[in-house]
């Protein structure tokens, strides 16, 4: 499975879906530093993304591939109403 890692000069977020978080039992474990936008969840790079990757890889028995998507300012940054 391939996921996208969005990052700007200050931080980064792994894009997953709400359904995937639910399937892995992680919905309640995501910190307030992650964002959501519709069905997409953007897991912050320090805790939430590594947790997701570890649990996903253990559940599926394979390694996640990650595509990098750099921007000067991630579009959700600063939108506190979109925090989880």
PDB file of N, CA and C in Angstrom:
ATOM      1  N   UNK A   1       0.853  -1.177   0.000  1.00  0.00           N
ATOM      2  CA  UNK A   1       0.000   0.000   0.000  1.00  0.00           C
ATOM      3  C   UNK A   1       0.897   1.237   0.000  1.00  0.00           C
ATOM      4  N   UNK A   2       0.478   2.255  -0.715  1.00  0.00           N
ATOM      5  CA  UNK A   2       1.225   3.503  -0.797  1.00  0.00           C
ATOM      6  C   UNK A   2       0.416   4.643  -0.202  1.00  0.00           C
ATOM      7  N   UNK A   3       1.068   5.410   0.640  1.00  0.00           N
ATOM      8  CA  UNK A   3       0.461   6.581   1.272  1.00  0.00           C
ATOM      9  C   UNK A   3       1.259   7.818   0.901  1.00  0.00           C
ATOM     10  N   UNK A   4       0.632   8.992   1.050  1.00  0.00           N
ATOM     11  CA  UNK A   4       1.297  10.250   0.749  1.00  0.00           C
ATOM     12  C   UNK A   4       1.658  10.953   2.044  1.00  0.00           C
ATOM     13  N   UNK A   5       2.908  11.397   2.104  1.00  0.00           N
ATOM     14  CA  UNK A   5       3.400  12.181   3.230  1.00  0.00           C
ATOM     15  C   UNK A   5       3.508  13.627   2.768  1.00  0.00           C
ATOM     16  N   UNK A   6       2.633  14.486   3.308  1.00  0.00           N
ATOM     17  CA  UNK A   6       2.619  15.908   2.973  1.00  0.00           C
ATOM     18  C   UNK A   6       3.524  16.631   3.963  1.00  0.00           C
ATOM     19  N   UNK A   7       4.371  17.520   3.463  1.00  0.00           N
ATOM     20  CA  UNK A   7       5.227  18.267   4.380  1.00  0.00           C
ATOM     21  C   UNK A   7       5.539  19.646   3.836  1.00  0.00           C
ATOM     22  N   UNK A   8       5.806  20.543   4.791  1.00  0.00           N
ATOM     23  CA  UNK A   8       6.225  21.894   4.480  1.00  0.00           C
ATOM     24  C   UNK A   8       7.506  22.144   5.274  1.00  0.00           C
ATOM     25  N   UNK A   9       8.047  23.347   5.263  1.00  0.00           N
ATOM     26  CA  UNK A   9       9.314  23.553   5.965  1.00  0.00           C
ATOM     27  C   UNK A   9       9.271  23.259   7.468  1.00  0.00           C
ATOM     28  N   UNK A  10       8.094  23.235   8.072  1.00  0.00           N
ATOM     29  CA  UNK A  10       8.018  23.078   9.514  1.00  0.00           C
ATOM     30  C   UNK A  10       7.553  21.735  10.036  1.00  0.00           C
ATOM     31  N   UNK A  11       6.819  20.971   9.249  1.00  0.00           N
ATOM     32  CA  UNK A  11       6.250  19.736   9.780  1.00  0.00           C
ATOM     33  C   UNK A  11       5.739  18.864   8.635  1.00  0.00           C
ATOM     34  N   UNK A  12       5.220  17.675   9.004  1.00  0.00           N
ATOM     35  CA  UNK A  12       4.705  16.762   7.997  1.00  0.00           C
ATOM     36  C   UNK A  12       3.548  15.932   8.517  1.00  0.00           C
ATOM     37  N   UNK A  13       2.738  15.423   7.575  1.00  0.00           N
ATOM     38  CA  UNK A  13       1.536  14.665   7.898  1.00  0.00           C
ATOM     39  C   UNK A  13       1.344  13.531   6.895  1.00  0.00           C
ATOM     40  N   UNK A  14       1.009  12.371   7.393  1.00  0.00           N
ATOM     41  CA  UNK A  14       0.722  11.214   6.556  1.00  0.00           C
ATOM     42  C   UNK A  14      -0.776  11.166   6.277  1.00  0.00           C
ATOM     43  N   UNK A  15      -1.153  11.101   5.013  1.00  0.00           N
ATOM     44  CA  UNK A  15      -2.567  11.077   4.619  1.00  0.00           C
ATOM     45  C   UNK A  15      -3.098   9.644   4.637  1.00  0.00           C
ATOM     46  N   UNK A  16      -4.151   9.425   5.429  1.00  0.00           N
ATOM     47  CA  UNK A  16      -4.848   8.135   5.502  1.00  0.00           C
ATOM     48  C   UNK A  16      -6.347   8.432   5.469  1.00  0.00           C
ATOM     49  N   UNK A  17      -7.181   7.426   5.627  1.00  0.00           N
ATOM     50  CA  UNK A  17      -8.624   7.663   5.672  1.00  0.00           C
ATOM     51  C   UNK A  17      -9.159   7.384   7.071  1.00  0.00           C
ATOM     52  N   UNK A  18     -10.323   7.967   7.359  1.00  0.00           N
ATOM     53  CA  UNK A  18     -10.985   7.705   8.641  1.00  0.00           C
ATOM     54  C   UNK A  18     -11.314   6.225   8.766  1.00  0.00           C
ATOM     55  N   UNK A  19     -11.715   5.612   7.664  1.00  0.00           N
ATOM     56  CA  UNK A  19     -12.053   4.179   7.682  1.00  0.00           C
ATOM     57  C   UNK A  19     -10.847   3.339   8.085  1.00  0.00           C
ATOM     58  N   UNK A  20      -9.675   3.683   7.555  1.00  0.00           N
ATOM     59  CA  UNK A  20      -8.468   2.930   7.904  1.00  0.00           C
ATOM     60  C   UNK A  20      -8.132   3.060   9.387  1.00  0.00           C
ATOM     61  N   UNK A  21      -8.300   4.262   9.927  1.00  0.00           N
ATOM     62  CA  UNK A  21      -8.062   4.444  11.366  1.00  0.00           C
ATOM     63  C   UNK A  21      -9.010   3.576  12.175  1.00  0.00           C
ATOM     64  N   UNK A  22     -10.280   3.562  11.773  1.00  0.00           N
ATOM     65  CA  UNK A  22     -11.274   2.752  12.470  1.00  0.00           C
ATOM     66  C   UNK A  22     -10.982   1.272  12.392  1.00  0.00           C
ATOM     67  N   UNK A  23     -10.600   0.803  11.226  1.00  0.00           N
ATOM     68  CA  UNK A  23     -10.288  -0.618  11.036  1.00  0.00           C
ATOM     69  C   UNK A  23      -9.132  -1.067  11.924  1.00  0.00           C
ATOM     70  N   UNK A  24      -8.196  -0.157  12.180  1.00  0.00           N
ATOM     71  CA  UNK A  24      -7.031  -0.489  12.997  1.00  0.00           C
ATOM     72  C   UNK A  24      -7.231  -0.165  14.478  1.00  0.00           C
ATOM     73  N   UNK A  25      -8.398   0.376  14.820  1.00  0.00           N
ATOM     74  CA  UNK A  25      -8.680   0.718  16.211  1.00  0.00           C
ATOM     75  C   UNK A  25      -7.889   1.914  16.711  1.00  0.00           C
ATOM     76  N   UNK A  26      -7.559   2.837  15.820  1.00  0.00           N
ATOM     77  CA  UNK A  26      -6.720   3.976  16.190  1.00  0.00           C
ATOM     78  C   UNK A  26      -7.473   5.299  16.286  1.00  0.00           C
ATOM     79  N   UNK A  27      -8.749   5.297  16.009  1.00  0.00           N
ATOM     80  CA  UNK A  27      -9.505   6.551  15.967  1.00  0.00           C
ATOM     81  C   UNK A  27      -9.345   7.363  17.247  1.00  0.00           C
ATOM     82  N   UNK A  28      -9.414   6.717  18.377  1.00  0.00           N
ATOM     83  CA  UNK A  28      -9.337   7.414  19.665  1.00  0.00           C
ATOM     84  C   UNK A  28      -7.899   7.669  20.111  1.00  0.00           C
ATOM     85  N   UNK A  29      -6.928   7.195  19.369  1.00  0.00           N
ATOM     86  CA  UNK A  29      -5.523   7.343  19.762  1.00  0.00           C
ATOM     87  C   UNK A  29      -4.802   8.458  19.028  1.00  0.00           C
ATOM     88  N   UNK A  30      -5.481   9.101  18.097  1.00  0.00           N
ATOM     89  CA  UNK A  30      -4.862  10.163  17.304  1.00  0.00           C
ATOM     90  C   UNK A  30      -4.830  11.448  18.124  1.00  0.00           C
ATOM     91  N   UNK A  31      -3.694  12.131  18.093  1.00  0.00           N
ATOM     92  CA  UNK A  31      -3.521  13.355  18.879  1.00  0.00           C
ATOM     93  C   UNK A  31      -4.225  14.553  18.237  1.00  0.00           C
ATOM     94  N   UNK A  32      -4.258  15.634  18.978  1.00  0.00           N
ATOM     95  CA  UNK A  32      -4.876  16.867  18.480  1.00  0.00           C
ATOM     96  C   UNK A  32      -3.962  17.619  17.516  1.00  0.00           C
ATOM     97  N   UNK A  33      -2.804  17.060  17.196  1.00  0.00           N
ATOM     98  CA  UNK A  33      -1.896  17.688  16.244  1.00  0.00           C
ATOM     99  C   UNK A  33      -2.135  17.206  14.816  1.00  0.00           C
ATOM    100  N   UNK A  34      -3.052  16.266  14.656  1.00  0.00           N
ATOM    101  CA  UNK A  34      -3.426  15.774  13.336  1.00  0.00           C
ATOM    102  C   UNK A  34      -4.658  16.526  12.846  1.00  0.00           C
ATOM    103  N   UNK A  35      -4.914  16.444  11.549  1.00  0.00           N
ATOM    104  CA  UNK A  35      -6.025  17.157  10.919  1.00  0.00           C
ATOM    105  C   UNK A  35      -6.935  16.182  10.188  1.00  0.00           C
ATOM    106  N   UNK A  36      -8.166  16.627   9.935  1.00  0.00           N
ATOM    107  CA  UNK A  36      -9.055  15.877   9.067  1.00  0.00           C
ATOM    108  C   UNK A  36      -9.649  16.824   8.041  1.00  0.00           C
ATOM    109  N   UNK A  37      -9.996  16.278   6.912  1.00  0.00           N
ATOM    110  CA  UNK A  37     -10.653  17.035   5.847  1.00  0.00           C
ATOM    111  C   UNK A  37     -11.542  16.050   5.113  1.00  0.00           C
ATOM    112  N   UNK A  38     -12.831  16.058   5.437  1.00  0.00           N
ATOM    113  CA  UNK A  38     -13.751  15.081   4.869  1.00  0.00           C
ATOM    114  C   UNK A  38     -13.397  13.697   5.370  1.00  0.00           C
ATOM    115  N   UNK A  39     -13.184  12.763   4.459  1.00  0.00           N
ATOM    116  CA  UNK A  39     -12.843  11.384   4.813  1.00  0.00           C
ATOM    117  C   UNK A  39     -11.346  11.199   5.034  1.00  0.00           C
ATOM    118  N   UNK A  40     -10.562  12.214   4.714  1.00  0.00           N
ATOM    119  CA  UNK A  40      -9.112  12.121   4.839  1.00  0.00           C
ATOM    120  C   UNK A  40      -8.664  12.549   6.231  1.00  0.00           C
ATOM    121  N   UNK A  41      -7.632  11.871   6.718  1.00  0.00           N
ATOM    122  CA  UNK A  41      -7.000  12.233   7.978  1.00  0.00           C
ATOM    123  C   UNK A  41      -5.521  12.440   7.697  1.00  0.00           C
ATOM    124  N   UNK A  42      -4.963  13.502   8.253  1.00  0.00           N
ATOM    125  CA  UNK A  42      -3.561  13.833   8.051  1.00  0.00           C
ATOM    126  C   UNK A  42      -2.863  13.688   9.398  1.00  0.00           C
ATOM    127  N   UNK A  43      -2.154  12.580   9.552  1.00  0.00           N
ATOM    128  CA  UNK A  43      -1.531  12.216  10.823  1.00  0.00           C
ATOM    129  C   UNK A  43      -0.182  12.905  10.972  1.00  0.00           C
ATOM    130  N   UNK A  44      -0.017  13.630  12.073  1.00  0.00           N
ATOM    131  CA  UNK A  44       1.235  14.358  12.282  1.00  0.00           C
ATOM    132  C   UNK A  44       2.404  13.385  12.393  1.00  0.00           C
ATOM    133  N   UNK A  45       3.569  13.861  11.998  1.00  0.00           N
ATOM    134  CA  UNK A  45       4.723  12.998  11.785  1.00  0.00           C
ATOM    135  C   UNK A  45       5.414  12.462  13.035  1.00  0.00           C
ATOM    136  N   UNK A  46       5.242  13.085  14.186  1.00  0.00           N
ATOM    137  CA  UNK A  46       6.027  12.693  15.358  1.00  0.00           C
ATOM    138  C   UNK A  46       5.456  11.516  16.133  1.00  0.00           C
ATOM    139  N   UNK A  47       4.141  11.424  16.237  1.00  0.00           N
ATOM    140  CA  UNK A  47       3.527  10.339  17.008  1.00  0.00           C
ATOM    141  C   UNK A  47       2.493   9.567  16.194  1.00  0.00           C
ATOM    142  N   UNK A  48       1.541  10.289  15.625  1.00  0.00           N
ATOM    143  CA  UNK A  48       0.402   9.645  14.980  1.00  0.00           C
ATOM    144  C   UNK A  48       0.781   8.840  13.739  1.00  0.00           C
ATOM    145  N   UNK A  49       1.601   9.407  12.865  1.00  0.00           N
ATOM    146  CA  UNK A  49       1.999   8.684  11.647  1.00  0.00           C
ATOM    147  C   UNK A  49       2.810   7.426  11.974  1.00  0.00           C
ATOM    148  N   UNK A  50       3.831   7.506  12.846  1.00  0.00           N
ATOM    149  CA  UNK A  50       4.572   6.273  13.173  1.00  0.00           C
ATOM    150  C   UNK A  50       3.692   5.201  13.823  1.00  0.00           C
ATOM    151  N   UNK A  51       2.747   5.622  14.658  1.00  0.00           N
ATOM    152  CA  UNK A  51       1.817   4.670  15.274  1.00  0.00           C
ATOM    153  C   UNK A  51       0.998   3.963  14.198  1.00  0.00           C
ATOM    154  N   UNK A  52       0.429   4.741  13.278  1.00  0.00           N
ATOM    155  CA  UNK A  52      -0.354   4.168  12.194  1.00  0.00           C
ATOM    156  C   UNK A  52       0.485   3.189  11.376  1.00  0.00           C
ATOM    157  N   UNK A  53       1.680   3.605  10.995  1.00  0.00           N
ATOM    158  CA  UNK A  53       2.536   2.754  10.164  1.00  0.00           C
ATOM    159  C   UNK A  53       2.835   1.432  10.874  1.00  0.00           C
ATOM    160  N   UNK A  54       3.202   1.501  12.135  1.00  0.00           N
ATOM    161  CA  UNK A  54       3.522   0.285  12.899  1.00  0.00           C
ATOM    162  C   UNK A  54       2.326  -0.650  12.987  1.00  0.00           C
ATOM    163  N   UNK A  55       1.175  -0.113  13.354  1.00  0.00           N
ATOM    164  CA  UNK A  55      -0.028  -0.941  13.502  1.00  0.00           C
ATOM    165  C   UNK A  55      -0.459  -1.498  12.149  1.00  0.00           C
ATOM    166  N   UNK A  56      -0.440  -0.683  11.102  1.00  0.00           N
ATOM    167  CA  UNK A  56      -0.840  -1.132   9.768  1.00  0.00           C
ATOM    168  C   UNK A  56       0.074  -2.252   9.285  1.00  0.00           C
ATOM    169  N   UNK A  57       1.390  -2.046   9.403  1.00  0.00           N
ATOM    170  CA  UNK A  57       2.335  -3.056   8.927  1.00  0.00           C
ATOM    171  C   UNK A  57       2.213  -4.363   9.710  1.00  0.00           C
ATOM    172  N   UNK A  58       1.991  -4.269  11.019  1.00  0.00           N
ATOM    173  CA  UNK A  58       1.789  -5.485  11.816  1.00  0.00           C
ATOM    174  C   UNK A  58       0.505  -6.208  11.420  1.00  0.00           C
ATOM    175  N   UNK A  59      -0.540  -5.452  11.131  1.00  0.00           N
ATOM    176  CA  UNK A  59      -1.831  -6.046  10.765  1.00  0.00           C
ATOM    177  C   UNK A  59      -1.798  -6.675   9.378  1.00  0.00           C
ATOM    178  N   UNK A  60      -1.037  -6.099   8.454  1.00  0.00           N
ATOM    179  CA  UNK A  60      -1.037  -6.554   7.066  1.00  0.00           C
ATOM    180  C   UNK A  60       0.186  -7.377   6.680  1.00  0.00           C
ATOM    181  N   UNK A  61       1.198  -7.398   7.528  1.00  0.00           N
ATOM    182  CA  UNK A  61       2.385  -8.191   7.238  1.00  0.00           C
ATOM    183  C   UNK A  61       3.191  -7.715   6.048  1.00  0.00           C
ATOM    184  N   UNK A  62       3.115  -6.442   5.756  1.00  0.00           N
ATOM    185  CA  UNK A  62       3.898  -5.870   4.658  1.00  0.00           C
ATOM    186  C   UNK A  62       4.300  -4.446   5.020  1.00  0.00           C
ATOM    187  N   UNK A  63       5.209  -3.895   4.246  1.00  0.00           N
ATOM    188  CA  UNK A  63       5.719  -2.554   4.495  1.00  0.00           C
ATOM    189  C   UNK A  63       4.961  -1.524   3.668  1.00  0.00           C
ATOM    190  N   UNK A  64       4.660  -0.399   4.290  1.00  0.00           N
ATOM    191  CA  UNK A  64       4.003   0.714   3.609  1.00  0.00           C
ATOM    192  C   UNK A  64       5.025   1.451   2.744  1.00  0.00           C
ATOM    193  N   UNK A  65       4.599   1.866   1.560  1.00  0.00           N
ATOM    194  CA  UNK A  65       5.389   2.753   0.702  1.00  0.00           C
ATOM    195  C   UNK A  65       4.880   4.170   0.907  1.00  0.00           C
ATOM    196  N   UNK A  66       5.787   5.123   0.856  1.00  0.00           N
ATOM    197  CA  UNK A  66       5.392   6.510   1.100  1.00  0.00           C
ATOM    198  C   UNK A  66       5.881   7.402  -0.031  1.00  0.00           C
ATOM    199  N   UNK A  67       4.943   8.180  -0.592  1.00  0.00           N
ATOM    200  CA  UNK A  67       5.266   9.201  -1.581  1.00  0.00           C
ATOM    201  C   UNK A  67       5.356  10.536  -0.858  1.00  0.00           C
ATOM    202  N   UNK A  68       6.315  11.345  -1.240  1.00  0.00           N
ATOM    203  CA  UNK A  68       6.517  12.654  -0.635  1.00  0.00           C
ATOM    204  C   UNK A  68       5.816  13.731  -1.453  1.00  0.00           C
ATOM    205  N   UNK A  69       5.124  14.638  -0.735  1.00  0.00           N
ATOM    206  CA  UNK A  69       4.451  15.765  -1.392  1.00  0.00           C
ATOM    207  C   UNK A  69       4.801  17.042  -0.621  1.00  0.00           C
ATOM    208  N   UNK A  70       5.764  17.797  -1.139  1.00  0.00           N
ATOM    209  CA  UNK A  70       6.233  19.009  -0.470  1.00  0.00           C
ATOM    210  C   UNK A  70       5.464  20.226  -0.971  1.00  0.00           C
ATOM    211  N   UNK A  71       5.165  21.135  -0.036  1.00  0.00           N
ATOM    212  CA  UNK A  71       4.580  22.425  -0.368  1.00  0.00           C
ATOM    213  C   UNK A  71       5.155  23.452   0.595  1.00  0.00           C
ATOM    214  N   UNK A  72       5.137  24.692   0.221  1.00  0.00           N
ATOM    215  CA  UNK A  72       5.676  25.736   1.109  1.00  0.00           C
ATOM    216  C   UNK A  72       4.834  25.924   2.366  1.00  0.00           C
ATOM    217  N   UNK A  73       3.538  25.698   2.276  1.00  0.00           N
ATOM    218  CA  UNK A  73       2.658  25.786   3.449  1.00  0.00           C
ATOM    219  C   UNK A  73       1.523  24.795   3.241  1.00  0.00           C
ATOM    220  N   UNK A  74       1.488  23.777   4.092  1.00  0.00           N
ATOM    221  CA  UNK A  74       0.436  22.765   4.004  1.00  0.00           C
ATOM    222  C   UNK A  74      -0.916  23.431   4.208  1.00  0.00           C
ATOM    223  N   UNK A  75      -1.877  23.136   3.365  1.00  0.00           N
ATOM    224  CA  UNK A  75      -3.136  23.878   3.333  1.00  0.00           C
ATOM    225  C   UNK A  75      -3.968  23.773   4.603  1.00  0.00           C
ATOM    226  N   UNK A  76      -3.769  22.757   5.416  1.00  0.00           N
ATOM    227  CA  UNK A  76      -4.533  22.640   6.663  1.00  0.00           C
ATOM    228  C   UNK A  76      -3.860  23.320   7.847  1.00  0.00           C
ATOM    229  N   UNK A  77      -2.623  23.676   7.717  1.00  0.00           N
ATOM    230  CA  UNK A  77      -1.874  24.278   8.828  1.00  0.00           C
ATOM    231  C   UNK A  77      -2.597  25.517   9.353  1.00  0.00           C
ATOM    232  N   UNK A  78      -2.802  25.549  10.659  1.00  0.00           N
ATOM    233  CA  UNK A  78      -3.435  26.696  11.291  1.00  0.00           C
ATOM    234  C   UNK A  78      -4.959  26.639  11.338  1.00  0.00           C
ATOM    235  N   UNK A  79      -5.567  25.674  10.671  1.00  0.00           N
ATOM    236  CA  UNK A  79      -7.027  25.535  10.691  1.00  0.00           C
ATOM    237  C   UNK A  79      -7.439  24.701  11.903  1.00  0.00           C
ATOM    238  N   UNK A  80      -7.505  25.325  13.055  1.00  0.00           N
ATOM    239  CA  UNK A  80      -7.742  24.586  14.298  1.00  0.00           C
ATOM    240  C   UNK A  80      -9.070  23.848  14.299  1.00  0.00           C
ATOM    241  N   UNK A  81     -10.040  24.304  13.538  1.00  0.00           N
ATOM    242  CA  UNK A  81     -11.332  23.618  13.511  1.00  0.00           C
ATOM    243  C   UNK A  81     -11.234  22.280  12.757  1.00  0.00           C
ATOM    244  N   UNK A  82     -10.132  22.062  12.066  1.00  0.00           N
ATOM    245  CA  UNK A  82      -9.944  20.799  11.358  1.00  0.00           C
ATOM    246  C   UNK A  82      -9.037  19.838  12.117  1.00  0.00           C
ATOM    247  N   UNK A  83      -8.645  20.232  13.340  1.00  0.00           N
ATOM    248  CA  UNK A  83      -7.878  19.304  14.165  1.00  0.00           C
ATOM    249  C   UNK A  83      -8.801  18.181  14.624  1.00  0.00           C
ATOM    250  N   UNK A  84      -8.230  17.038  14.833  1.00  0.00           N
ATOM    251  CA  UNK A  84      -9.017  15.883  15.292  1.00  0.00           C
ATOM    252  C   UNK A  84      -9.445  16.112  16.714  1.00  0.00           C
TER     253      UNK A  84
END
